[in-house]
Amino acid sequence: MYSTKIYAPGNYRFIPGVFQYSAGVAAESGFRIERVRLLAPVPLAEGFRLIKQTLQNAARPLSAFCACELRSPAPFDEAGFEAFNREYVGTLAHWGIFDGSVNPVARSNVCPEIDPPEVPSFYAFAYTVADPSAMASFVVAGSGEAPEGKGSYKDHVISRGDVSVQGLRNKARFVLAEMERRMGALGFGWADTTAAQLYTVHDIHPFMADELGRRGAMRGGLTWHLNRPPIIELEYEMDCRGVHFERALAV
């Protein structure tokens, strides 16, 4: 079972996860989450500068940064993923958000099958804003078909190597249940979502209606990205959110 902690400097609560990201965030009372999608991926260092400037323009502290969506050139092996994550959290440590063990910022990181970026890049980011009349808002981090915090991902992949209809169905069921566990810990469910995103290069049509549709995961539609999860041998990932203020930004 998941539990949550308050990240008071950012005005949100989060589900503690692995060192590189939390499993999800929700704005505290009197605040809302805003999401900014970039019209073109922005490399990591430049993206962090853009986020910092956006927060300054909104008169918000760096600690208000609560979630992001990344795009990488191709899936990593586990050593490469570890190295990338250490680079990523370096900025969060410099900003005073990551304390060396606990990271409150939620994240998705996936790999476009077509026209991938040359380097790991930001696709979207989110932050908290003061709003006394705000509706409750949240972001659930991306999850593939393997439990996190178990050491090696490949040793725990659901239906490892099986991309048959039944294998993909098994993967989908695990990921959907993980989304529900995370939303439940934050106090939400599918009825509270404004968007659900799916990342796979495989055909989901044979089970889309009875697994995703009937479960409620497509309540607001489904955004299907032709992307792979960030680690070799993972095939299926989702994230979801309940965010009522979003905008697109050309950079």
C-alpha atoms as a PDB file:
ATOM      1  CA  MET A   1       0.000   0.000   0.000  1.00  0.00           C
ATOM      2  CA  TYR A   2       1.142   3.522  -0.766  1.00  0.00           C
ATOM      3  CA  SER A   3       1.158   6.426   1.673  1.00  0.00           C
ATOM      4  CA  THR A   4       1.716  10.129   1.097  1.00  0.00           C
ATOM      5  CA  LYS A   5       3.902  12.842   2.545  1.00  0.00           C
ATOM      6  CA  ILE A   6       3.539  16.609   2.497  1.00  0.00           C
ATOM      7  CA  TYR A   7       6.128  18.597   0.603  1.00  0.00           C
ATOM      8  CA  ALA A   8       5.371  21.907   2.304  1.00  0.00           C
ATOM      9  CA  PRO A   9       7.786  24.101   0.294  1.00  0.00           C
ATOM     10  CA  GLY A  10       5.971  23.106  -2.902  1.00  0.00           C
ATOM     11  CA  ASN A  11       2.403  23.151  -1.518  1.00  0.00           C
ATOM     12  CA  TYR A  12       1.708  19.583  -2.573  1.00  0.00           C
ATOM     13  CA  ARG A  13       1.733  16.065  -1.214  1.00  0.00           C
ATOM     14  CA  PHE A  14       3.458  13.143  -2.881  1.00  0.00           C
ATOM     15  CA  ILE A  15       3.795   9.372  -2.873  1.00  0.00           C
ATOM     16  CA  PRO A  16       7.394   8.467  -1.988  1.00  0.00           C
ATOM     17  CA  GLY A  17       8.927   6.335  -4.714  1.00  0.00           C
ATOM     18  CA  VAL A  18      12.375   5.557  -6.066  1.00  0.00           C
ATOM     19  CA  PHE A  19      15.135   8.183  -5.843  1.00  0.00           C
ATOM     20  CA  GLN A  20      14.573   9.574  -9.330  1.00  0.00           C
ATOM     21  CA  TYR A  21      10.876  10.414  -8.914  1.00  0.00           C
ATOM     22  CA  SER A  22       7.798  10.108  -6.758  1.00  0.00           C
ATOM     23  CA  ALA A  23       4.859   7.943  -7.767  1.00  0.00           C
ATOM     24  CA  GLY A  24       2.474  10.892  -7.877  1.00  0.00           C
ATOM     25  CA  VAL A  25       1.593  14.324  -6.527  1.00  0.00           C
ATOM     26  CA  ALA A  26      -1.524  16.260  -5.525  1.00  0.00           C
ATOM     27  CA  ALA A  27      -1.898  19.949  -4.778  1.00  0.00           C
ATOM     28  CA  GLU A  28      -2.657  20.946  -1.219  1.00  0.00           C
ATOM     29  CA  SER A  29      -5.826  22.863  -0.342  1.00  0.00           C
ATOM     30  CA  GLY A  30      -5.679  26.421  -1.663  1.00  0.00           C
ATOM     31  CA  PHE A  31      -3.427  25.459  -4.575  1.00  0.00           C
ATOM     32  CA  ARG A  32      -3.807  23.953  -8.031  1.00  0.00           C
ATOM     33  CA  ILE A  33      -1.475  22.184 -10.436  1.00  0.00           C
ATOM     34  CA  GLU A  34      -0.841  23.775 -13.823  1.00  0.00           C
ATOM     35  CA  ARG A  35       0.664  21.806 -16.738  1.00  0.00           C
ATOM     36  CA  VAL A  36       2.697  23.238 -19.600  1.00  0.00           C
ATOM     37  CA  ARG A  37       3.250  21.123 -22.731  1.00  0.00           C
ATOM     38  CA  LEU A  38       6.122  22.125 -24.971  1.00  0.00           C
ATOM     39  CA  LEU A  39       5.351  22.116 -28.686  1.00  0.00           C
ATOM     40  CA  ALA A  40       8.813  20.692 -29.361  1.00  0.00           C
ATOM     41  CA  PRO A  41      11.025  18.716 -26.953  1.00  0.00           C
ATOM     42  CA  VAL A  42      13.560  20.855 -25.078  1.00  0.00           C
ATOM     43  CA  PRO A  43      16.898  19.313 -24.003  1.00  0.00           C
ATOM     44  CA  LEU A  44      17.286  18.715 -20.285  1.00  0.00           C
ATOM     45  CA  ALA A  45      19.525  21.622 -19.259  1.00  0.00           C
ATOM     46  CA  GLU A  46      17.630  24.129 -21.424  1.00  0.00           C
ATOM     47  CA  GLY A  47      14.352  22.712 -20.135  1.00  0.00           C
ATOM     48  CA  PHE A  48      15.327  23.243 -16.530  1.00  0.00           C
ATOM     49  CA  ARG A  49      16.192  26.854 -17.356  1.00  0.00           C
ATOM     50  CA  LEU A  50      12.785  27.259 -18.992  1.00  0.00           C
ATOM     51  CA  ILE A  51      11.025  25.789 -15.971  1.00  0.00           C
ATOM     52  CA  LYS A  52      12.944  28.114 -13.659  1.00  0.00           C
ATOM     53  CA  GLN A  53      11.960  31.132 -15.761  1.00  0.00           C
ATOM     54  CA  THR A  54       8.315  30.005 -15.875  1.00  0.00           C
ATOM     55  CA  LEU A  55       8.228  29.693 -12.097  1.00  0.00           C
ATOM     56  CA  GLN A  56       9.819  33.107 -11.661  1.00  0.00           C
ATOM     57  CA  ASN A  57       7.267  34.650 -14.035  1.00  0.00           C
ATOM     58  CA  ALA A  58       4.491  33.054 -11.980  1.00  0.00           C
ATOM     59  CA  ALA A  59       6.045  34.368  -8.742  1.00  0.00           C
ATOM     60  CA  ARG A  60       6.480  30.777  -7.556  1.00  0.00           C
ATOM     61  CA  PRO A  61       9.494  29.211  -5.836  1.00  0.00           C
ATOM     62  CA  LEU A  62      11.538  26.460  -7.485  1.00  0.00           C
ATOM     63  CA  SER A  63       9.973  24.081  -4.975  1.00  0.00           C
ATOM     64  CA  ALA A  64       6.608  24.512  -6.766  1.00  0.00           C
ATOM     65  CA  PHE A  65       7.921  22.279  -9.589  1.00  0.00           C
ATOM     66  CA  CYS A  66       6.004  19.053  -9.001  1.00  0.00           C
ATOM     67  CA  ALA A  67       5.929  16.871 -12.145  1.00  0.00           C
ATOM     68  CA  CYS A  68       7.391  16.473 -15.608  1.00  0.00           C
ATOM     69  CA  GLU A  69       7.209  14.349 -18.741  1.00  0.00           C
ATOM     70  CA  LEU A  70      10.441  13.499 -20.549  1.00  0.00           C
ATOM     71  CA  ARG A  71      11.298  12.107 -23.969  1.00  0.00           C
ATOM     72  CA  SER A  72      14.489  10.107 -24.523  1.00  0.00           C
ATOM     73  CA  PRO A  73      16.184   8.960 -27.746  1.00  0.00           C
ATOM     74  CA  ALA A  74      15.831   5.208 -27.061  1.00  0.00           C
ATOM     75  CA  PRO A  75      15.258   2.823 -24.160  1.00  0.00           C
ATOM     76  CA  PHE A  76      18.163   2.581 -21.721  1.00  0.00           C
ATOM     77  CA  ASP A  77      19.803  -0.493 -20.313  1.00  0.00           C
ATOM     78  CA  GLU A  78      19.610  -0.441 -16.533  1.00  0.00           C
ATOM     79  CA  ALA A  79      23.100   1.012 -16.043  1.00  0.00           C
ATOM     80  CA  GLY A  80      22.359   3.768 -18.546  1.00  0.00           C
ATOM     81  CA  PHE A  81      19.054   4.545 -16.873  1.00  0.00           C
ATOM     82  CA  GLU A  82      20.790   4.833 -13.504  1.00  0.00           C
ATOM     83  CA  ALA A  83      23.390   7.214 -14.937  1.00  0.00           C
ATOM     84  CA  PHE A  84      20.717   9.355 -16.600  1.00  0.00           C
ATOM     85  CA  ASN A  85      18.699   9.535 -13.400  1.00  0.00           C
ATOM     86  CA  ARG A  86      21.722  10.711 -11.434  1.00  0.00           C
ATOM     87  CA  GLU A  87      22.188  13.497 -13.956  1.00  0.00           C
ATOM     88  CA  TYR A  88      18.499  14.440 -13.804  1.00  0.00           C
ATOM     89  CA  VAL A  89      18.285  14.643 -10.004  1.00  0.00           C
ATOM     90  CA  GLY A  90      21.430  16.775  -9.885  1.00  0.00           C
ATOM     91  CA  THR A  91      19.418  19.859 -10.808  1.00  0.00           C
ATOM     92  CA  LEU A  92      16.688  18.982  -8.313  1.00  0.00           C
ATOM     93  CA  ALA A  93      19.355  18.698  -5.627  1.00  0.00           C
ATOM     94  CA  HIS A  94      20.793  22.078  -6.658  1.00  0.00           C
ATOM     95  CA  TRP A  95      17.293  23.546  -6.409  1.00  0.00           C
ATOM     96  CA  GLY A  96      16.894  22.117  -2.902  1.00  0.00           C
ATOM     97  CA  ILE A  97      14.073  19.749  -3.889  1.00  0.00           C
ATOM     98  CA  PHE A  98      15.931  16.411  -3.820  1.00  0.00           C
ATOM     99  CA  ASP A  99      17.637  15.783  -0.472  1.00  0.00           C
ATOM    100  CA  GLY A 100      19.748  12.857  -1.619  1.00  0.00           C
ATOM    101  CA  SER A 101      17.167  10.169  -0.889  1.00  0.00           C
ATOM    102  CA  VAL A 102      13.612  11.531  -1.135  1.00  0.00           C
ATOM    103  CA  ASN A 103      12.390  13.099  -4.372  1.00  0.00           C
ATOM    104  CA  PRO A 104       8.859  14.562  -4.360  1.00  0.00           C
ATOM    105  CA  VAL A 105       8.698  15.343  -8.109  1.00  0.00           C
ATOM    106  CA  ALA A 106       6.615  12.927 -10.222  1.00  0.00           C
ATOM    107  CA  ARG A 107       7.888  11.955 -13.681  1.00  0.00           C
ATOM    108  CA  SER A 108       7.252  10.040 -16.877  1.00  0.00           C
ATOM    109  CA  ASN A 109      10.082   9.275 -19.303  1.00  0.00           C
ATOM    110  CA  VAL A 110       9.360   7.532 -22.602  1.00  0.00           C
ATOM    111  CA  CYS A 111      10.973   7.054 -26.005  1.00  0.00           C
ATOM    112  CA  PRO A 112       9.238   8.077 -29.252  1.00  0.00           C
ATOM    113  CA  GLU A 113       9.303   5.403 -31.939  1.00  0.00           C
ATOM    114  CA  ILE A 114       9.163   8.079 -34.649  1.00  0.00           C
ATOM    115  CA  ASP A 115      11.258  11.261 -34.676  1.00  0.00           C
ATOM    116  CA  PRO A 116      12.842  10.832 -31.236  1.00  0.00           C
ATOM    117  CA  PRO A 117      14.881  13.681 -29.735  1.00  0.00           C
ATOM    118  CA  GLU A 118      18.656  13.505 -30.049  1.00  0.00           C
ATOM    119  CA  VAL A 119      19.097  13.815 -26.276  1.00  0.00           C
ATOM    120  CA  PRO A 120      16.806  13.378 -23.232  1.00  0.00           C
ATOM    121  CA  SER A 121      14.359  16.282 -23.308  1.00  0.00           C
ATOM    122  CA  PHE A 122      11.350  17.804 -21.592  1.00  0.00           C
ATOM    123  CA  TYR A 123       7.936  17.279 -23.197  1.00  0.00           C
ATOM    124  CA  ALA A 124       5.830  18.828 -20.401  1.00  0.00           C
ATOM    125  CA  PHE A 125       6.101  20.036 -16.821  1.00  0.00           C
ATOM    126  CA  ALA A 126       3.775  21.002 -13.986  1.00  0.00           C
ATOM    127  CA  TYR A 127       3.885  23.228 -10.935  1.00  0.00           C
ATOM    128  CA  THR A 128       1.626  24.470  -8.151  1.00  0.00           C
ATOM    129  CA  VAL A 129      -0.071  27.861  -8.087  1.00  0.00           C
ATOM    130  CA  ALA A 130      -2.021  29.504  -5.284  1.00  0.00           C
ATOM    131  CA  ASP A 131      -5.779  29.384  -5.908  1.00  0.00           C
ATOM    132  CA  PRO A 132      -8.210  29.557  -2.949  1.00  0.00           C
ATOM    133  CA  SER A 133     -11.091  28.221  -5.087  1.00  0.00           C
ATOM    134  CA  ALA A 134      -9.114  25.518  -6.894  1.00  0.00           C
ATOM    135  CA  MET A 135     -10.577  22.127  -7.687  1.00  0.00           C
ATOM    136  CA  ALA A 136      -8.447  19.237  -6.452  1.00  0.00           C
ATOM    137  CA  SER A 137      -5.670  18.366  -8.901  1.00  0.00           C
ATOM    138  CA  PHE A 138      -3.101  15.600  -9.194  1.00  0.00           C
ATOM    139  CA  VAL A 139      -0.531  13.935 -11.454  1.00  0.00           C
ATOM    140  CA  VAL A 140       0.286  10.225 -11.321  1.00  0.00           C
ATOM    141  CA  ALA A 141       3.782   9.336 -12.508  1.00  0.00           C
ATOM    142  CA  GLY A 142       4.374   6.933 -15.360  1.00  0.00           C
ATOM    143  CA  SER A 143       4.581   3.225 -14.624  1.00  0.00           C
ATOM    144  CA  GLY A 144       5.604   0.353 -16.849  1.00  0.00           C
ATOM    145  CA  GLU A 145       4.792  -3.311 -16.318  1.00  0.00           C
ATOM    146  CA  ALA A 146       7.310  -3.940 -13.536  1.00  0.00           C
ATOM    147  CA  PRO A 147       7.156  -2.968  -9.860  1.00  0.00           C
ATOM    148  CA  GLU A 148       9.584  -0.248  -8.810  1.00  0.00           C
ATOM    149  CA  GLY A 149      12.081  -0.387  -5.984  1.00  0.00           C
ATOM    150  CA  LYS A 150      12.908  -4.063  -6.577  1.00  0.00           C
ATOM    151  CA  GLY A 151      16.413  -3.541  -7.919  1.00  0.00           C
ATOM    152  CA  SER A 152      16.603  -4.877 -11.467  1.00  0.00           C
ATOM    153  CA  TYR A 153      13.533  -4.111 -13.561  1.00  0.00           C
ATOM    154  CA  LYS A 154      14.106  -6.973 -15.987  1.00  0.00           C
ATOM    155  CA  ASP A 155      13.826  -9.583 -13.240  1.00  0.00           C
ATOM    156  CA  HIS A 156      10.298  -8.435 -12.416  1.00  0.00           C
ATOM    157  CA  VAL A 157       8.732  -7.626 -15.814  1.00  0.00           C
ATOM    158  CA  ILE A 158       5.150  -8.867 -16.125  1.00  0.00           C
ATOM    159  CA  SER A 159       4.954 -11.396 -19.000  1.00  0.00           C
ATOM    160  CA  ARG A 160       8.552 -10.671 -19.890  1.00  0.00           C
ATOM    161  CA  GLY A 161       9.201 -10.953 -23.616  1.00  0.00           C
ATOM    162  CA  ASP A 162       5.553 -11.769 -24.363  1.00  0.00           C
ATOM    163  CA  VAL A 163       3.923  -9.276 -26.722  1.00  0.00           C
ATOM    164  CA  SER A 164       1.078 -11.575 -27.729  1.00  0.00           C
ATOM    165  CA  VAL A 165      -2.435 -10.299 -27.086  1.00  0.00           C
ATOM    166  CA  GLN A 166      -2.544 -12.160 -23.775  1.00  0.00           C
ATOM    167  CA  GLY A 167       0.921 -10.973 -22.780  1.00  0.00           C
ATOM    168  CA  LEU A 168       0.003  -7.349 -23.495  1.00  0.00           C
ATOM    169  CA  ARG A 169      -3.286  -7.800 -21.650  1.00  0.00           C
ATOM    170  CA  ASN A 170      -1.355  -9.010 -18.597  1.00  0.00           C
ATOM    171  CA  LYS A 171       0.916  -5.991 -18.816  1.00  0.00           C
ATOM    172  CA  ALA A 172      -2.054  -3.638 -19.184  1.00  0.00           C
ATOM    173  CA  ARG A 173      -3.795  -5.108 -16.153  1.00  0.00           C
ATOM    174  CA  PHE A 174      -0.719  -4.605 -13.984  1.00  0.00           C
ATOM    175  CA  VAL A 175      -0.233  -1.015 -15.130  1.00  0.00           C
ATOM    176  CA  LEU A 176      -3.921  -0.134 -14.738  1.00  0.00           C
ATOM    177  CA  ALA A 177      -3.913  -1.530 -11.208  1.00  0.00           C
ATOM    178  CA  GLU A 178      -0.769   0.482 -10.442  1.00  0.00           C
ATOM    179  CA  MET A 179      -2.451   3.669 -11.681  1.00  0.00           C
ATOM    180  CA  GLU A 180      -5.389   2.888  -9.398  1.00  0.00           C
ATOM    181  CA  ARG A 181      -3.148   2.239  -6.397  1.00  0.00           C
ATOM    182  CA  ARG A 182      -1.388   5.545  -6.880  1.00  0.00           C
ATOM    183  CA  MET A 183      -4.567   7.535  -7.466  1.00  0.00           C
ATOM    184  CA  GLY A 184      -6.153   5.878  -4.441  1.00  0.00           C
ATOM    185  CA  ALA A 185      -3.252   6.901  -2.202  1.00  0.00           C
ATOM    186  CA  LEU A 186      -3.741  10.510  -3.314  1.00  0.00           C
ATOM    187  CA  GLY A 187      -7.502  10.291  -2.776  1.00  0.00           C
ATOM    188  CA  PHE A 188      -8.649  10.012  -6.386  1.00  0.00           C
ATOM    189  CA  GLY A 189      -9.936   7.549  -8.981  1.00  0.00           C
ATOM    190  CA  TRP A 190     -10.618   7.351 -12.695  1.00  0.00           C
ATOM    191  CA  ALA A 191     -13.694   9.577 -12.316  1.00  0.00           C
ATOM    192  CA  ASP A 192     -11.366  12.413 -11.248  1.00  0.00           C
ATOM    193  CA  THR A 193      -9.024  12.203 -14.225  1.00  0.00           C
ATOM    194  CA  THR A 194      -8.888  14.764 -16.991  1.00  0.00           C
ATOM    195  CA  ALA A 195      -6.395  12.773 -19.084  1.00  0.00           C
ATOM    196  CA  ALA A 196      -4.884   9.306 -19.371  1.00  0.00           C
ATOM    197  CA  GLN A 197      -1.805   8.663 -21.497  1.00  0.00           C
ATOM    198  CA  LEU A 198      -0.634   5.308 -22.856  1.00  0.00           C
ATOM    199  CA  TYR A 199       2.835   4.551 -24.206  1.00  0.00           C
ATOM    200  CA  THR A 200       3.383   1.450 -26.329  1.00  0.00           C
ATOM    201  CA  VAL A 201       4.233   0.512 -29.897  1.00  0.00           C
ATOM    202  CA  HIS A 202       1.987  -2.568 -29.770  1.00  0.00           C
ATOM    203  CA  ASP A 203      -1.653  -3.035 -30.783  1.00  0.00           C
ATOM    204  CA  ILE A 204      -3.982  -2.507 -27.813  1.00  0.00           C
ATOM    205  CA  HIS A 205      -7.264  -2.762 -29.732  1.00  0.00           C
ATOM    206  CA  PRO A 206      -8.002  -6.415 -28.766  1.00  0.00           C
ATOM    207  CA  PHE A 207      -8.340  -5.440 -25.081  1.00  0.00           C
ATOM    208  CA  MET A 208      -8.823  -1.664 -25.140  1.00  0.00           C
ATOM    209  CA  ALA A 209     -12.576  -1.771 -24.529  1.00  0.00           C
ATOM    210  CA  ASP A 210     -12.798  -4.484 -21.881  1.00  0.00           C
ATOM    211  CA  GLU A 211      -9.644  -3.595 -19.930  1.00  0.00           C
ATOM    212  CA  LEU A 212      -9.223   0.177 -20.268  1.00  0.00           C
ATOM    213  CA  GLY A 213     -12.740   1.223 -21.239  1.00  0.00           C
ATOM    214  CA  ARG A 214     -14.790  -0.772 -18.769  1.00  0.00           C
ATOM    215  CA  ARG A 215     -12.360   0.010 -15.987  1.00  0.00           C
ATOM    216  CA  GLY A 216     -12.962   3.740 -16.477  1.00  0.00           C
ATOM    217  CA  ALA A 217      -9.487   4.610 -17.702  1.00  0.00           C
ATOM    218  CA  MET A 218     -10.866   6.133 -20.908  1.00  0.00           C
ATOM    219  CA  ARG A 219     -13.431   8.345 -19.205  1.00  0.00           C
ATOM    220  CA  GLY A 220     -11.895  11.435 -20.797  1.00  0.00           C
ATOM    221  CA  GLY A 221     -10.580   9.617 -23.839  1.00  0.00           C
ATOM    222  CA  LEU A 222      -7.127   8.111 -24.190  1.00  0.00           C
ATOM    223  CA  THR A 223      -3.984   9.734 -25.555  1.00  0.00           C
ATOM    224  CA  TRP A 224      -1.948   6.939 -27.138  1.00  0.00           C
ATOM    225  CA  HIS A 225       1.679   7.865 -27.820  1.00  0.00           C
ATOM    226  CA  LEU A 226       3.678   5.622 -30.143  1.00  0.00           C
ATOM    227  CA  ASN A 227       6.443   5.527 -27.547  1.00  0.00           C
ATOM    228  CA  ARG A 228       8.372   2.857 -25.708  1.00  0.00           C
ATOM    229  CA  PRO A 229       8.981   2.824 -21.943  1.00  0.00           C
ATOM    230  CA  PRO A 230      12.467   4.011 -20.932  1.00  0.00           C
ATOM    231  CA  ILE A 231      14.047   0.631 -20.128  1.00  0.00           C
ATOM    232  CA  ILE A 232      14.841  -2.212 -22.520  1.00  0.00           C
ATOM    233  CA  GLU A 233      12.314  -5.090 -22.234  1.00  0.00           C
ATOM    234  CA  LEU A 234       9.480  -2.905 -20.910  1.00  0.00           C
ATOM    235  CA  GLU A 235       6.678  -2.630 -23.477  1.00  0.00           C
ATOM    236  CA  TYR A 236       3.725  -0.815 -21.883  1.00  0.00           C
ATOM    237  CA  GLU A 237       3.416   2.314 -19.750  1.00  0.00           C
ATOM    238  CA  MET A 238       0.727   4.731 -18.595  1.00  0.00           C
ATOM    239  CA  ASP A 239       0.318   7.902 -16.605  1.00  0.00           C
ATOM    240  CA  CYS A 240      -2.769   9.945 -15.742  1.00  0.00           C
ATOM    241  CA  ARG A 241      -3.749  13.246 -14.231  1.00  0.00           C
ATOM    242  CA  GLY A 242      -6.561  15.438 -13.000  1.00  0.00           C
ATOM    243  CA  VAL A 243      -5.374  18.905 -14.036  1.00  0.00           C
ATOM    244  CA  HIS A 244      -7.791  21.675 -14.957  1.00  0.00           C
ATOM    245  CA  PHE A 245      -5.338  24.341 -16.139  1.00  0.00           C
ATOM    246  CA  GLU A 246      -3.091  23.423 -19.074  1.00  0.00           C
ATOM    247  CA  ARG A 247      -1.392  25.322 -21.859  1.00  0.00           C
ATOM    248  CA  ALA A 248       0.944  24.692 -24.764  1.00  0.00           C
ATOM    249  CA  LEU A 249       4.148  26.654 -25.129  1.00  0.00           C
ATOM    250  CA  ALA A 250       6.208  27.242 -28.275  1.00  0.00           C
ATOM    251  CA  VAL A 251       9.914  27.570 -27.545  1.00  0.00           C
END
